[in-house]
Amino acid sequence: MNSRLTKLLVPTAMLIPMLCYAKEWRGIVRLHSTRADVDRLIGTKKLRCGGLSCLYDLGQETVFVLYADEPSCKNDDATTSWKVPRDTVIEINIHFKLERSLKDLGLVLTKFSKRNDEELAGFIYYNDWDEGIEIEGTATTAMGINYYQEAKDNSLRCPRN
């Protein structure tokens, strides 16, 4: 391969993980994207759906998406705790089939708080509450990423009963 082309492609390929694990995930934004958006972006990979959630198999990862119920603000579970229309994405949980290096996620881990699991030795949770991202893993690897609401979207939360 031409060395100029290699110099151009290699840095571009290194950006791919960063694009996948940013604030939005594959173009899906919590509390703003809808089930129709998810179906358009990854819907052909559905394993199963039941009520307000769907499970997708994307080859190297399994993805669970939770959707909002009616915006009644009952606040009795995660699906009724948001002032958003029914079928709005409220949570995305990604489980990697093979652990990934934390470095390969393209996230600035210095922004994350770190909490050791009290029951599973070596298991660590990294949280960025402002961005609504939690990484489950170890000191060097990630087993999954959970996307919750960003701090800027807390105004969409229903009042506590």
Protein backbone atom coordinates (compact mmCIF):
# COMPACT_ATOMS: atom_id res chain seq x y z
CA MET A 1 0.00 0.00 0.00
CA ASN A 2 1.16 3.51 -0.74
CA SER A 3 2.89 4.99 2.34
CA ARG A 4 0.94 8.26 2.02
CA LEU A 5 -2.33 6.38 1.99
CA THR A 6 -1.21 4.31 5.00
CA LYS A 7 -0.36 7.49 6.92
CA LEU A 8 -3.84 8.79 6.16
CA LEU A 9 -5.82 5.61 6.88
CA VAL A 10 -4.13 4.42 10.07
CA PRO A 11 -4.94 7.55 12.13
CA THR A 12 -8.50 7.50 10.75
CA ALA A 13 -8.94 3.85 11.73
CA MET A 14 -7.70 4.66 15.23
CA LEU A 15 -10.56 7.16 15.65
CA ILE A 16 -13.28 4.55 15.11
CA PRO A 17 -13.45 3.41 18.76
CA MET A 18 -13.71 7.01 19.91
CA LEU A 19 -16.67 7.59 17.63
CA CYS A 20 -18.47 4.51 18.93
CA TYR A 21 -18.27 5.33 22.62
CA ALA A 22 -18.86 9.08 22.76
CA LYS A 23 -21.82 10.86 24.41
CA GLU A 24 -24.22 9.49 21.85
CA TRP A 25 -23.92 5.89 20.80
CA ARG A 26 -24.13 5.14 17.06
CA GLY A 27 -26.28 8.23 16.61
CA ILE A 28 -28.66 7.30 19.43
CA VAL A 29 -29.05 9.93 22.18
CA ARG A 30 -30.70 9.02 25.49
CA LEU A 31 -33.93 10.89 26.24
CA HIS A 32 -34.01 12.29 22.69
CA SER A 33 -33.88 9.39 20.20
CA THR A 34 -36.91 7.19 19.63
CA ARG A 35 -37.57 3.50 18.99
CA ALA A 36 -37.98 4.44 15.31
CA ASP A 37 -34.47 5.95 15.34
CA VAL A 38 -33.04 2.78 16.91
CA ASP A 39 -34.89 0.60 14.38
CA ARG A 40 -33.49 2.71 11.56
CA LEU A 41 -29.93 2.61 12.93
CA ILE A 42 -29.61 -0.96 14.29
CA GLY A 43 -33.07 -2.55 14.09
CA THR A 44 -32.15 -5.33 11.70
CA LYS A 45 -30.00 -6.91 14.42
CA LYS A 46 -32.88 -7.50 16.87
CA LEU A 47 -32.75 -10.66 18.95
CA ARG A 48 -36.04 -9.94 20.69
CA CYS A 49 -38.25 -7.18 22.01
CA GLY A 50 -40.68 -7.27 24.87
CA GLY A 51 -42.78 -4.32 25.92
CA LEU A 52 -40.48 -1.39 26.57
CA SER A 53 -37.12 -3.01 25.80
CA CYS A 54 -35.23 -4.65 22.95
CA LEU A 55 -32.09 -6.77 22.78
CA TYR A 56 -29.78 -6.56 19.75
CA ASP A 57 -26.85 -8.72 18.64
CA LEU A 58 -24.25 -6.61 16.86
CA GLY A 59 -21.64 -9.33 16.45
CA GLN A 60 -18.99 -8.27 18.96
CA GLU A 61 -21.51 -6.84 21.42
CA THR A 62 -25.01 -7.36 22.74
CA VAL A 63 -27.07 -4.21 23.26
CA PHE A 64 -30.09 -3.73 25.55
CA VAL A 65 -32.23 -0.64 24.94
CA LEU A 66 -34.89 0.50 27.41
CA TYR A 67 -37.70 2.81 26.27
CA ALA A 68 -39.96 5.20 28.15
CA ASP A 69 -43.58 4.46 28.92
CA GLU A 70 -46.26 7.16 28.80
CA PRO A 71 -44.98 10.46 30.24
CA SER A 72 -47.37 10.18 33.18
CA CYS A 73 -44.61 10.77 35.74
CA LYS A 74 -45.72 7.93 37.99
CA ASN A 75 -42.03 7.58 38.83
CA ASP A 76 -42.49 4.00 40.00
CA ASP A 77 -39.77 2.55 37.75
CA ALA A 78 -37.22 3.66 35.14
CA THR A 79 -39.78 3.66 32.30
CA THR A 80 -42.14 6.10 34.05
CA SER A 81 -39.53 8.43 35.54
CA TRP A 82 -39.12 10.75 32.56
CA LYS A 83 -41.12 13.56 30.95
CA VAL A 84 -40.54 12.23 27.43
CA PRO A 85 -42.89 10.60 24.90
CA ARG A 86 -43.48 6.84 24.91
CA ASP A 87 -40.79 4.87 23.06
CA THR A 88 -38.05 7.43 23.73
CA VAL A 89 -34.70 5.78 24.54
CA ILE A 90 -33.91 6.13 28.23
CA GLU A 91 -31.05 3.68 28.67
CA ILE A 92 -28.55 1.76 26.53
CA ASN A 93 -26.52 -1.13 27.98
CA ILE A 94 -23.73 -2.64 25.89
CA HIS A 95 -22.09 -5.93 26.82
CA PHE A 96 -18.87 -6.79 24.99
CA LYS A 97 -18.61 -10.46 24.07
CA LEU A 98 -14.83 -10.16 24.46
CA GLU A 99 -13.32 -7.71 26.94
CA ARG A 100 -11.84 -4.57 25.39
CA SER A 101 -8.93 -2.48 26.52
CA LEU A 102 -10.05 0.65 28.36
CA LYS A 103 -7.61 2.61 26.20
CA ASP A 104 -9.39 1.44 23.03
CA LEU A 105 -12.69 3.00 24.08
CA GLY A 106 -11.45 6.48 23.26
CA LEU A 107 -12.81 7.99 26.47
CA VAL A 108 -10.95 10.36 28.79
CA LEU A 109 -10.97 8.23 31.94
CA THR A 110 -9.59 11.05 34.10
CA LYS A 111 -13.11 12.54 33.89
CA PHE A 112 -14.58 9.38 35.42
CA SER A 113 -14.98 8.53 39.08
CA LYS A 114 -13.82 5.03 39.99
CA ARG A 115 -15.64 2.67 42.35
CA ASN A 116 -14.51 -0.85 43.25
CA ASP A 117 -17.24 -3.47 43.46
CA GLU A 118 -17.61 -4.51 47.10
CA GLU A 119 -18.50 -8.11 46.25
CA LEU A 120 -16.52 -8.90 43.10
CA ALA A 121 -12.78 -8.50 43.66
CA GLY A 122 -11.11 -6.64 40.81
CA PHE A 123 -14.38 -5.45 39.28
CA ILE A 124 -14.49 -1.66 38.83
CA TYR A 125 -17.16 0.84 37.79
CA TYR A 126 -16.03 4.03 36.05
CA ASN A 127 -18.69 6.77 36.02
CA ASP A 128 -18.99 10.10 34.28
CA TRP A 129 -22.27 11.40 35.72
CA ASP A 130 -22.19 14.58 33.63
CA GLU A 131 -22.06 12.62 30.38
CA GLY A 132 -24.22 9.74 31.61
CA ILE A 133 -21.70 6.97 30.96
CA GLU A 134 -20.70 4.03 33.15
CA ILE A 135 -18.01 1.52 32.21
CA GLU A 136 -17.97 -1.91 33.84
CA GLY A 137 -14.61 -3.62 33.90
CA THR A 138 -11.26 -4.03 35.57
CA ALA A 139 -8.21 -1.79 35.94
CA THR A 140 -7.32 -2.34 32.27
CA THR A 141 -10.34 -3.78 30.47
CA ALA A 142 -13.99 -3.01 29.80
CA MET A 143 -16.75 -5.61 29.81
CA GLY A 144 -19.53 -3.19 29.00
CA ILE A 145 -20.77 0.37 28.84
CA ASN A 146 -24.04 1.73 30.19
CA TYR A 147 -25.49 4.99 28.91
CA TYR A 148 -27.87 6.89 31.20
CA GLN A 149 -29.17 10.45 31.12
CA GLU A 150 -26.68 13.26 30.86
CA ALA A 151 -26.69 15.81 33.68
CA LYS A 152 -28.04 18.42 31.27
CA ASP A 153 -31.19 16.27 30.88
CA ASN A 154 -32.02 16.05 34.59
CA SER A 155 -34.82 18.58 33.96
CA LEU A 156 -36.62 15.78 32.08
CA ARG A 157 -36.78 13.65 35.25
CA CYS A 158 -40.17 13.39 36.93
CA PRO A 159 -40.44 14.74 40.47
CA ARG A 160 -39.94 12.13 43.17
CA ASN A 161 -43.19 10.96 44.75
